[in-house]
Amino acid sequence: MGEQLREHLTIPDCEFQAKVNRTPAGMYSWAGSGPAHAVCFGCVYFARPDQVRKPELARRCQRWAAWLRGTYGLERAPVLKVPPQTSACSAYRARA
């Protein structure tokens, strides 16, 4: 119902809306803002080291979780899993 009520509205900034659409919840920064051709699976922040053996599984962005805990003083951050083939964000650091 809500979507039908907004059909007549235009998107004021199409570039911004495209960033929002391609960035999954739980990602530290905009998807695609990192190095070209890099994906989340290759990042040191993508899951814990003991979890990276299965590249097909979505995992938590540890950088996002740490930011959330530090910013809001949370003991636990929500677990929002990012697909491994998501284009890397600006926080990307290559896994050794």
N, C-alpha and C. Protein backbone atom coordinates (compact mmCIF):
# COMPACT_ATOMS: atom_id res chain seq x y z
N MET A 1 0.82 -1.20 0.00
CA MET A 1 0.00 0.00 0.00
C MET A 1 0.86 1.26 0.00
N GLY A 2 1.86 1.33 0.87
CA GLY A 2 2.72 2.50 0.97
C GLY A 2 3.46 2.79 -0.31
N GLU A 3 3.91 1.73 -0.99
CA GLU A 3 4.61 1.92 -2.26
C GLU A 3 3.70 2.56 -3.30
N GLN A 4 2.44 2.19 -3.33
CA GLN A 4 1.50 2.73 -4.30
C GLN A 4 1.27 4.22 -4.07
N LEU A 5 1.34 4.64 -2.82
CA LEU A 5 1.12 6.05 -2.51
C LEU A 5 2.30 6.92 -2.91
N ARG A 6 3.47 6.30 -3.15
CA ARG A 6 4.66 7.09 -3.49
C ARG A 6 5.04 7.01 -4.96
N GLU A 7 4.27 6.31 -5.75
CA GLU A 7 4.63 6.12 -7.16
C GLU A 7 4.77 7.44 -7.91
N HIS A 8 4.06 8.46 -7.53
CA HIS A 8 4.09 9.74 -8.24
C HIS A 8 5.31 10.59 -7.88
N LEU A 9 6.01 10.21 -6.81
CA LEU A 9 7.16 10.99 -6.37
C LEU A 9 8.39 10.68 -7.22
N THR A 10 9.23 11.69 -7.40
CA THR A 10 10.47 11.48 -8.14
C THR A 10 11.62 11.39 -7.15
N ILE A 11 12.70 10.80 -7.58
CA ILE A 11 13.89 10.70 -6.74
C ILE A 11 14.75 11.93 -7.04
N PRO A 12 14.99 12.79 -6.02
CA PRO A 12 15.72 14.02 -6.25
C PRO A 12 17.19 13.80 -6.61
N ASP A 13 17.80 12.74 -6.12
CA ASP A 13 19.21 12.48 -6.41
C ASP A 13 19.36 11.01 -6.82
N CYS A 14 19.34 10.77 -8.10
CA CYS A 14 19.38 9.40 -8.61
C CYS A 14 20.68 8.68 -8.27
N GLU A 15 21.80 9.40 -8.26
CA GLU A 15 23.09 8.80 -7.93
C GLU A 15 23.11 8.32 -6.48
N PHE A 16 22.59 9.14 -5.59
CA PHE A 16 22.52 8.75 -4.19
C PHE A 16 21.60 7.55 -4.01
N GLN A 17 20.47 7.54 -4.66
CA GLN A 17 19.53 6.43 -4.56
C GLN A 17 20.16 5.14 -5.07
N ALA A 18 20.98 5.22 -6.12
CA ALA A 18 21.67 4.04 -6.64
C ALA A 18 22.63 3.48 -5.59
N LYS A 19 23.34 4.34 -4.87
CA LYS A 19 24.24 3.89 -3.79
C LYS A 19 23.46 3.18 -2.70
N VAL A 20 22.34 3.76 -2.33
CA VAL A 20 21.49 3.17 -1.29
C VAL A 20 21.01 1.78 -1.73
N ASN A 21 20.59 1.66 -2.97
CA ASN A 21 20.04 0.40 -3.48
C ASN A 21 21.08 -0.72 -3.54
N ARG A 22 22.33 -0.40 -3.85
CA ARG A 22 23.33 -1.47 -3.98
C ARG A 22 24.09 -1.77 -2.69
N THR A 23 23.85 -1.01 -1.62
CA THR A 23 24.54 -1.22 -0.35
C THR A 23 23.65 -2.00 0.62
N PRO A 24 24.07 -3.21 1.00
CA PRO A 24 23.26 -3.99 1.94
C PRO A 24 23.35 -3.43 3.36
N ALA A 25 22.33 -3.65 4.14
CA ALA A 25 22.35 -3.25 5.55
C ALA A 25 23.49 -3.99 6.24
N GLY A 26 24.20 -3.31 7.11
CA GLY A 26 25.31 -3.92 7.83
C GLY A 26 26.66 -3.69 7.20
N MET A 27 26.70 -2.91 6.13
CA MET A 27 27.96 -2.60 5.46
C MET A 27 28.47 -1.27 5.99
N TYR A 28 29.78 -1.16 6.21
CA TYR A 28 30.36 0.02 6.85
C TYR A 28 30.21 1.29 6.01
N SER A 29 30.41 1.18 4.72
CA SER A 29 30.35 2.34 3.83
C SER A 29 29.63 1.93 2.55
N TRP A 30 29.53 2.84 1.60
CA TRP A 30 28.81 2.55 0.36
C TRP A 30 29.46 1.42 -0.42
N ALA A 31 28.66 0.48 -0.88
CA ALA A 31 29.15 -0.59 -1.75
C ALA A 31 29.68 0.03 -3.03
N GLY A 32 30.83 -0.44 -3.48
CA GLY A 32 31.42 0.08 -4.70
C GLY A 32 32.33 1.27 -4.50
N SER A 33 32.48 1.75 -3.26
CA SER A 33 33.35 2.91 -3.02
C SER A 33 34.79 2.50 -2.72
N GLY A 34 35.07 1.19 -2.73
CA GLY A 34 36.42 0.68 -2.49
C GLY A 34 37.18 0.48 -3.79
N PRO A 35 38.26 -0.29 -3.74
CA PRO A 35 39.06 -0.55 -4.94
C PRO A 35 38.24 -1.25 -6.03
N ALA A 36 38.57 -0.95 -7.26
CA ALA A 36 37.88 -1.56 -8.39
C ALA A 36 38.05 -3.08 -8.36
N HIS A 37 37.01 -3.79 -8.64
CA HIS A 37 36.97 -5.26 -8.73
C HIS A 37 37.15 -5.97 -7.39
N ALA A 38 37.29 -5.25 -6.29
CA ALA A 38 37.41 -5.88 -4.97
C ALA A 38 36.02 -6.18 -4.44
N VAL A 39 35.90 -7.28 -3.71
CA VAL A 39 34.63 -7.67 -3.09
C VAL A 39 34.84 -7.89 -1.60
N CYS A 40 33.75 -7.90 -0.87
CA CYS A 40 33.82 -8.04 0.59
C CYS A 40 34.56 -9.28 1.05
N PHE A 41 34.44 -10.37 0.33
CA PHE A 41 35.09 -11.60 0.76
C PHE A 41 36.60 -11.45 0.90
N GLY A 42 37.22 -10.58 0.14
CA GLY A 42 38.67 -10.38 0.21
C GLY A 42 39.11 -9.39 1.27
N CYS A 43 38.19 -8.87 2.05
CA CYS A 43 38.50 -7.84 3.06
C CYS A 43 38.77 -8.46 4.43
N VAL A 44 39.72 -7.88 5.17
CA VAL A 44 40.03 -8.37 6.52
C VAL A 44 38.86 -8.18 7.47
N TYR A 45 37.98 -7.25 7.20
CA TYR A 45 36.83 -7.00 8.08
C TYR A 45 35.65 -7.93 7.81
N PHE A 46 35.71 -8.70 6.73
CA PHE A 46 34.61 -9.59 6.38
C PHE A 46 34.69 -10.84 7.25
N ALA A 47 33.90 -10.90 8.28
CA ALA A 47 33.84 -12.04 9.20
C ALA A 47 35.12 -12.17 10.03
N ARG A 48 35.11 -13.13 10.90
CA ARG A 48 36.29 -13.45 11.69
C ARG A 48 37.18 -14.39 10.87
N PRO A 49 38.47 -14.43 11.15
CA PRO A 49 39.36 -15.31 10.37
C PRO A 49 38.93 -16.77 10.34
N ASP A 50 38.33 -17.25 11.42
CA ASP A 50 37.90 -18.65 11.45
C ASP A 50 36.63 -18.90 10.63
N GLN A 51 36.03 -17.87 10.09
CA GLN A 51 34.79 -18.02 9.33
C GLN A 51 34.95 -17.90 7.83
N VAL A 52 36.14 -17.60 7.35
CA VAL A 52 36.30 -17.28 5.92
C VAL A 52 36.58 -18.49 5.04
N ARG A 53 36.41 -19.67 5.54
CA ARG A 53 36.68 -20.87 4.74
C ARG A 53 35.58 -21.15 3.72
N LYS A 54 34.42 -20.59 3.91
CA LYS A 54 33.30 -20.84 2.99
C LYS A 54 32.91 -19.54 2.30
N PRO A 55 33.47 -19.29 1.12
CA PRO A 55 33.25 -18.01 0.43
C PRO A 55 31.82 -17.77 -0.03
N GLU A 56 30.99 -18.80 -0.03
CA GLU A 56 29.62 -18.62 -0.52
C GLU A 56 28.67 -18.09 0.55
N LEU A 57 29.08 -18.07 1.81
CA LEU A 57 28.21 -17.63 2.89
C LEU A 57 28.30 -16.13 3.16
N ALA A 58 27.15 -15.54 3.40
CA ALA A 58 27.13 -14.13 3.80
C ALA A 58 27.64 -14.04 5.24
N ARG A 59 28.40 -13.02 5.53
CA ARG A 59 28.97 -12.86 6.87
C ARG A 59 28.82 -11.42 7.33
N ARG A 60 29.12 -11.21 8.58
CA ARG A 60 29.03 -9.90 9.20
C ARG A 60 30.28 -9.07 8.89
N CYS A 61 30.07 -7.78 8.66
CA CYS A 61 31.19 -6.84 8.49
C CYS A 61 31.66 -6.44 9.90
N GLN A 62 32.86 -6.88 10.27
CA GLN A 62 33.38 -6.60 11.60
C GLN A 62 33.67 -5.11 11.81
N ARG A 63 34.01 -4.41 10.75
CA ARG A 63 34.27 -2.97 10.84
C ARG A 63 32.98 -2.24 11.20
N TRP A 64 31.89 -2.60 10.57
CA TRP A 64 30.59 -1.98 10.85
C TRP A 64 30.17 -2.28 12.29
N ALA A 65 30.34 -3.53 12.72
CA ALA A 65 29.94 -3.92 14.07
C ALA A 65 30.75 -3.15 15.12
N ALA A 66 32.05 -3.00 14.89
CA ALA A 66 32.91 -2.26 15.83
C ALA A 66 32.51 -0.79 15.87
N TRP A 67 32.21 -0.21 14.71
CA TRP A 67 31.78 1.18 14.65
C TRP A 67 30.48 1.37 15.42
N LEU A 68 29.56 0.47 15.21
CA LEU A 68 28.26 0.57 15.86
C LEU A 68 28.39 0.46 17.39
N ARG A 69 29.19 -0.50 17.83
CA ARG A 69 29.41 -0.65 19.28
C ARG A 69 30.08 0.59 19.87
N GLY A 70 31.08 1.12 19.19
CA GLY A 70 31.79 2.29 19.68
C GLY A 70 30.96 3.56 19.66
N THR A 71 30.21 3.76 18.61
CA THR A 71 29.41 4.96 18.45
C THR A 71 28.23 5.01 19.41
N TYR A 72 27.56 3.90 19.57
CA TYR A 72 26.35 3.88 20.38
C TYR A 72 26.53 3.20 21.73
N GLY A 73 27.74 2.77 22.05
CA GLY A 73 28.01 2.16 23.34
C GLY A 73 27.29 0.83 23.55
N LEU A 74 27.06 0.11 22.48
CA LEU A 74 26.37 -1.17 22.56
C LEU A 74 27.32 -2.28 22.99
N GLU A 75 26.83 -3.20 23.78
CA GLU A 75 27.63 -4.38 24.10
C GLU A 75 27.64 -5.33 22.91
N ARG A 76 26.50 -5.42 22.24
CA ARG A 76 26.36 -6.29 21.07
C ARG A 76 25.73 -5.52 19.94
N ALA A 77 26.30 -5.69 18.77
CA ALA A 77 25.73 -5.06 17.58
C ALA A 77 24.84 -6.09 16.88
N PRO A 78 23.80 -5.65 16.20
CA PRO A 78 22.95 -6.59 15.47
C PRO A 78 23.76 -7.34 14.41
N VAL A 79 23.37 -8.56 14.13
CA VAL A 79 24.05 -9.35 13.11
C VAL A 79 23.32 -9.16 11.79
N LEU A 80 23.89 -8.35 10.94
CA LEU A 80 23.36 -8.12 9.60
C LEU A 80 24.42 -8.62 8.62
N LYS A 81 24.11 -9.68 7.92
CA LYS A 81 25.10 -10.33 7.08
C LYS A 81 25.16 -9.71 5.68
N VAL A 82 26.39 -9.52 5.21
CA VAL A 82 26.67 -8.93 3.90
C VAL A 82 27.05 -10.05 2.94
N PRO A 83 26.47 -10.09 1.74
CA PRO A 83 26.85 -11.11 0.77
C PRO A 83 28.34 -10.98 0.40
N PRO A 84 29.05 -12.09 0.25
CA PRO A 84 30.50 -12.04 0.02
C PRO A 84 30.91 -11.39 -1.30
N GLN A 85 30.04 -11.42 -2.30
CA GLN A 85 30.40 -10.85 -3.60
C GLN A 85 29.97 -9.39 -3.76
N THR A 86 29.61 -8.74 -2.66
CA THR A 86 29.24 -7.32 -2.70
C THR A 86 30.49 -6.51 -3.04
N SER A 87 30.34 -5.51 -3.90
CA SER A 87 31.47 -4.64 -4.25
C SER A 87 32.00 -3.98 -2.98
N ALA A 88 33.30 -3.96 -2.82
CA ALA A 88 33.94 -3.47 -1.60
C ALA A 88 33.66 -1.99 -1.34
N CYS A 89 33.68 -1.66 -0.04
CA CYS A 89 33.46 -0.27 0.37
C CYS A 89 34.80 0.43 0.63
N SER A 90 34.74 1.67 1.04
CA SER A 90 35.96 2.47 1.25
C SER A 90 36.79 1.99 2.44
N ALA A 91 36.23 1.15 3.31
CA ALA A 91 36.98 0.61 4.46
C ALA A 91 37.76 -0.64 4.07
N TYR A 92 37.70 -1.06 2.84
CA TYR A 92 38.32 -2.31 2.38
C TYR A 92 39.82 -2.34 2.67
N ARG A 93 40.24 -3.44 3.29
CA ARG A 93 41.66 -3.73 3.51
C ARG A 93 41.86 -5.17 3.07
N ALA A 94 42.77 -5.39 2.14
CA ALA A 94 42.96 -6.73 1.57
C ALA A 94 43.42 -7.73 2.63
N ARG A 95 42.82 -8.88 2.58
CA ARG A 95 43.19 -9.99 3.47
C ARG A 95 44.57 -10.50 3.04
N ALA A 96 45.41 -10.80 4.00
CA ALA A 96 46.77 -11.28 3.69
C ALA A 96 46.79 -12.69 3.19
